[in-house]
């Protein structure tokens, strides 16, 4: 019950932050939207700042960590599929948020950094984890002969990392989440097939 209540508060706050912004959303508004009493709310969070940091941690950091800390590393193909499945879990779990608009989510991420510059350090750690994960599996794929590309491993890693970013920008412009979800799969699998030649 306590965990569900805390998750309800975090989800409600995230939706409000997505619709408006950190500064525009008041603590009073968040409490009203949760349907909780002031006392019940303050049992979980002492301030809007603490709540915002929890939203960032649960909806940005935790999910990205989960994707890159657990995928299989026995082959590049399996790594791609497991990573895509992890990303699909995020998209499906965030359907309500993303339906508010990809631009809003992008703005939310930048606002998190602007409001709390210390978040940049955590984002840098996540980028290092992501990059290291791709480097490791690409090296394994080269050693096993799974891929035959002469491109430097770092360049291949960056291609895999940057392709979803471009697909996300397309989603922000055109608002088609289905195209984004399956577009990343198509791009990654296409790149993989090119690397095998």
Protein backbone atom coordinates (compact mmCIF):
# COMPACT_ATOMS: atom_id res chain seq x y z
CA UNK A 1 0.00 0.00 0.00
CA UNK A 2 2.75 2.47 0.91
CA UNK A 3 4.72 1.64 -2.25
CA UNK A 4 1.59 2.05 -4.39
CA UNK A 5 0.80 5.41 -2.80
CA UNK A 6 4.32 6.68 -3.42
CA UNK A 7 4.20 5.48 -7.04
CA UNK A 8 0.82 7.21 -7.45
CA UNK A 9 2.30 10.50 -6.20
CA UNK A 10 5.32 10.18 -8.52
CA UNK A 11 3.18 9.35 -11.57
CA UNK A 12 0.76 12.20 -10.84
CA UNK A 13 3.63 14.66 -10.42
CA UNK A 14 5.32 13.48 -13.62
CA UNK A 15 2.14 14.01 -15.64
CA UNK A 16 1.81 17.52 -14.22
CA UNK A 17 5.49 18.33 -14.87
CA UNK A 18 5.04 17.05 -18.44
CA UNK A 19 1.98 19.22 -19.05
CA UNK A 20 3.51 22.35 -17.53
CA UNK A 21 6.98 22.64 -16.02
CA UNK A 22 8.73 22.30 -12.70
CA UNK A 23 8.23 25.98 -11.89
CA UNK A 24 4.63 26.17 -13.12
CA UNK A 25 3.39 23.22 -11.06
CA UNK A 26 2.67 24.01 -7.42
CA UNK A 27 2.90 21.60 -4.51
CA UNK A 28 -0.71 22.41 -3.67
CA UNK A 29 -1.74 21.36 -7.18
CA UNK A 30 0.19 18.09 -6.95
CA UNK A 31 -1.42 17.23 -3.61
CA UNK A 32 -4.89 18.06 -4.97
CA UNK A 33 -4.35 15.89 -8.08
CA UNK A 34 -3.17 12.92 -6.00
CA UNK A 35 -6.37 13.02 -3.96
CA UNK A 36 -4.36 12.66 -0.77
CA UNK A 37 -4.51 14.76 2.36
CA UNK A 38 -1.60 17.09 3.12
CA UNK A 39 -0.49 14.79 5.94
CA UNK A 40 -0.54 11.70 3.74
CA UNK A 41 1.44 13.48 1.02
CA UNK A 42 4.08 14.85 3.40
CA UNK A 43 4.56 11.35 4.81
CA UNK A 44 6.30 10.53 1.48
CA UNK A 45 7.79 13.83 0.31
CA UNK A 46 8.92 16.91 2.20
CA UNK A 47 9.08 19.28 -0.77
CA UNK A 48 8.43 19.73 -4.47
CA UNK A 49 12.19 19.59 -5.07
CA UNK A 50 12.47 16.19 -3.38
CA UNK A 51 9.50 14.91 -5.39
CA UNK A 52 10.91 16.24 -8.68
CA UNK A 53 14.22 14.49 -8.01
CA UNK A 54 12.35 11.25 -7.32
CA UNK A 55 10.44 11.65 -10.59
CA UNK A 56 13.72 12.16 -12.46
CA UNK A 57 15.32 9.18 -10.75
CA UNK A 58 12.43 6.81 -11.39
CA UNK A 59 11.50 7.97 -14.90
CA UNK A 60 14.93 8.70 -16.31
CA UNK A 61 17.82 7.21 -14.40
CA UNK A 62 16.36 3.96 -13.09
CA UNK A 63 14.84 2.94 -16.41
CA UNK A 64 17.96 3.64 -18.47
CA UNK A 65 20.12 1.84 -15.90
CA UNK A 66 17.79 -1.16 -16.10
CA UNK A 67 18.11 -1.37 -19.89
CA UNK A 68 21.91 -1.31 -19.95
CA UNK A 69 22.74 -3.21 -16.76
CA UNK A 70 20.89 -6.38 -17.69
CA UNK A 71 21.01 -7.22 -21.44
CA UNK A 72 22.64 -10.42 -22.71
CA UNK A 73 26.19 -10.07 -23.98
CA UNK A 74 26.69 -13.38 -25.77
CA UNK A 75 26.10 -11.82 -29.20
CA UNK A 76 25.48 -8.40 -30.67
CA UNK A 77 22.18 -9.58 -32.14
CA UNK A 78 20.92 -10.75 -28.72
CA UNK A 79 22.16 -7.55 -27.10
CA UNK A 80 20.20 -5.51 -29.65
CA UNK A 81 17.04 -7.57 -29.12
CA UNK A 82 17.29 -7.46 -25.32
CA UNK A 83 17.99 -3.73 -25.34
CA UNK A 84 15.03 -3.14 -27.68
CA UNK A 85 12.81 -5.20 -25.39
CA UNK A 86 13.95 -3.12 -22.43
CA UNK A 87 13.21 0.06 -24.36
CA UNK A 88 9.76 -1.28 -25.30
CA UNK A 89 9.04 -1.92 -21.62
CA UNK A 90 9.88 1.73 -20.94
CA UNK A 91 7.70 3.01 -23.81
CA UNK A 92 4.77 0.81 -22.80
CA UNK A 93 5.10 1.84 -19.17
CA UNK A 94 5.26 5.49 -20.13
CA UNK A 95 2.48 5.48 -22.72
CA UNK A 96 0.42 7.98 -20.73
CA UNK A 97 3.36 10.34 -20.41
CA UNK A 98 4.56 10.07 -23.99
CA UNK A 99 1.03 10.62 -25.29
CA UNK A 100 1.40 14.07 -23.79
CA UNK A 101 4.02 14.70 -26.46
CA UNK A 102 7.63 13.82 -27.10
CA UNK A 103 8.67 17.46 -27.03
CA UNK A 104 7.32 17.77 -23.48
CA UNK A 105 9.39 14.78 -22.36
CA UNK A 106 12.49 16.23 -24.00
CA UNK A 107 11.85 19.57 -22.30
CA UNK A 108 11.36 17.75 -19.00
CA UNK A 109 14.82 16.19 -19.30
CA UNK A 110 16.47 19.52 -20.06
CA UNK A 111 14.56 21.20 -17.25
CA UNK A 112 15.83 18.57 -14.83
CA UNK A 113 19.40 19.54 -15.71
CA UNK A 114 18.66 23.27 -15.58
CA UNK A 115 16.92 23.09 -12.18
CA UNK A 116 19.41 20.67 -10.65
CA UNK A 117 22.84 20.92 -12.31
CA UNK A 118 24.08 18.01 -10.16
CA UNK A 119 21.86 15.78 -12.31
CA UNK A 120 24.34 16.25 -15.16
CA UNK A 121 26.81 14.04 -13.29
CA UNK A 122 24.25 11.21 -13.10
CA UNK A 123 23.42 11.64 -16.78
CA UNK A 124 27.13 11.44 -17.60
CA UNK A 125 27.35 8.17 -15.63
CA UNK A 126 24.43 6.75 -17.60
CA UNK A 127 26.02 7.76 -20.91
CA UNK A 128 29.27 6.08 -19.86
CA UNK A 129 27.36 2.92 -18.91
CA UNK A 130 25.51 2.92 -22.24
CA UNK A 131 28.69 3.55 -24.25
CA UNK A 132 30.69 0.93 -22.34
CA UNK A 133 27.92 -1.65 -22.84
CA UNK A 134 27.94 -1.13 -26.62
CA UNK A 135 31.76 -1.13 -26.79
CA UNK A 136 31.96 -4.42 -24.89
CA UNK A 137 29.42 -6.29 -27.03
CA UNK A 138 30.76 -4.91 -30.33
CA UNK A 139 34.24 -6.13 -29.38
CA UNK A 140 32.77 -9.57 -28.59
CA UNK A 141 30.94 -9.57 -31.94
CA UNK A 142 34.15 -8.69 -33.81
CA UNK A 143 36.17 -11.38 -32.01
CA UNK A 144 33.54 -14.05 -32.74
CA UNK A 145 33.23 -12.98 -36.38
CA UNK A 146 29.59 -12.04 -35.90
CA UNK A 147 30.30 -8.72 -37.62
CA UNK A 148 33.07 -8.00 -40.11
CA UNK A 149 33.15 -4.21 -40.23
CA UNK A 150 36.51 -2.44 -40.24
CA UNK A 151 34.93 0.63 -38.63
CA UNK A 152 36.38 1.51 -35.22
CA UNK A 153 34.38 0.00 -32.36
CA UNK A 154 33.74 3.44 -30.84
CA UNK A 155 32.18 4.69 -34.09
CA UNK A 156 29.88 1.68 -34.33
CA UNK A 157 28.85 2.18 -30.69
CA UNK A 158 28.01 5.83 -31.38
CA UNK A 159 25.87 4.81 -34.39
CA UNK A 160 23.79 2.49 -32.22
CA UNK A 161 23.46 5.16 -29.53
CA UNK A 162 22.62 8.06 -31.85
CA UNK A 163 20.12 6.32 -34.15
CA UNK A 164 17.32 6.27 -31.52
CA UNK A 165 18.00 9.95 -30.80
CA UNK A 166 17.24 10.82 -34.42
CA UNK A 167 14.15 8.61 -34.36
CA UNK A 168 13.02 10.41 -31.20
CA UNK A 169 13.40 13.82 -32.86
CA UNK A 170 11.24 12.54 -35.72
CA UNK A 171 8.64 11.48 -33.14
CA UNK A 172 8.76 14.94 -31.52
CA UNK A 173 8.07 16.53 -34.90
CA UNK A 174 5.42 14.11 -36.18
CA UNK A 175 4.00 12.74 -32.93
CA UNK A 176 3.89 9.11 -34.08
CA UNK A 177 5.01 6.97 -31.11
CA UNK A 178 4.41 3.71 -33.01
CA UNK A 179 6.75 4.86 -35.77
CA UNK A 180 9.37 5.72 -33.14
CA UNK A 181 9.05 2.42 -31.30
CA UNK A 182 9.40 0.30 -34.41
CA UNK A 183 11.67 2.76 -36.21
CA UNK A 184 14.46 2.19 -33.70
CA UNK A 185 14.19 -1.57 -34.20
CA UNK A 186 14.33 -1.17 -37.98
CA UNK A 187 17.35 1.15 -37.80
CA UNK A 188 19.31 -1.03 -35.38
CA UNK A 189 18.59 -4.25 -37.24
CA UNK A 190 19.49 -2.57 -40.53
CA UNK A 191 22.79 -1.34 -39.11
CA UNK A 192 23.52 -4.81 -37.74
CA UNK A 193 22.94 -6.38 -41.17
CA UNK A 194 25.26 -3.82 -42.79
CA UNK A 195 27.98 -4.64 -40.25
CA UNK A 196 27.79 -8.34 -41.09
CA UNK A 197 28.79 -7.78 -44.73
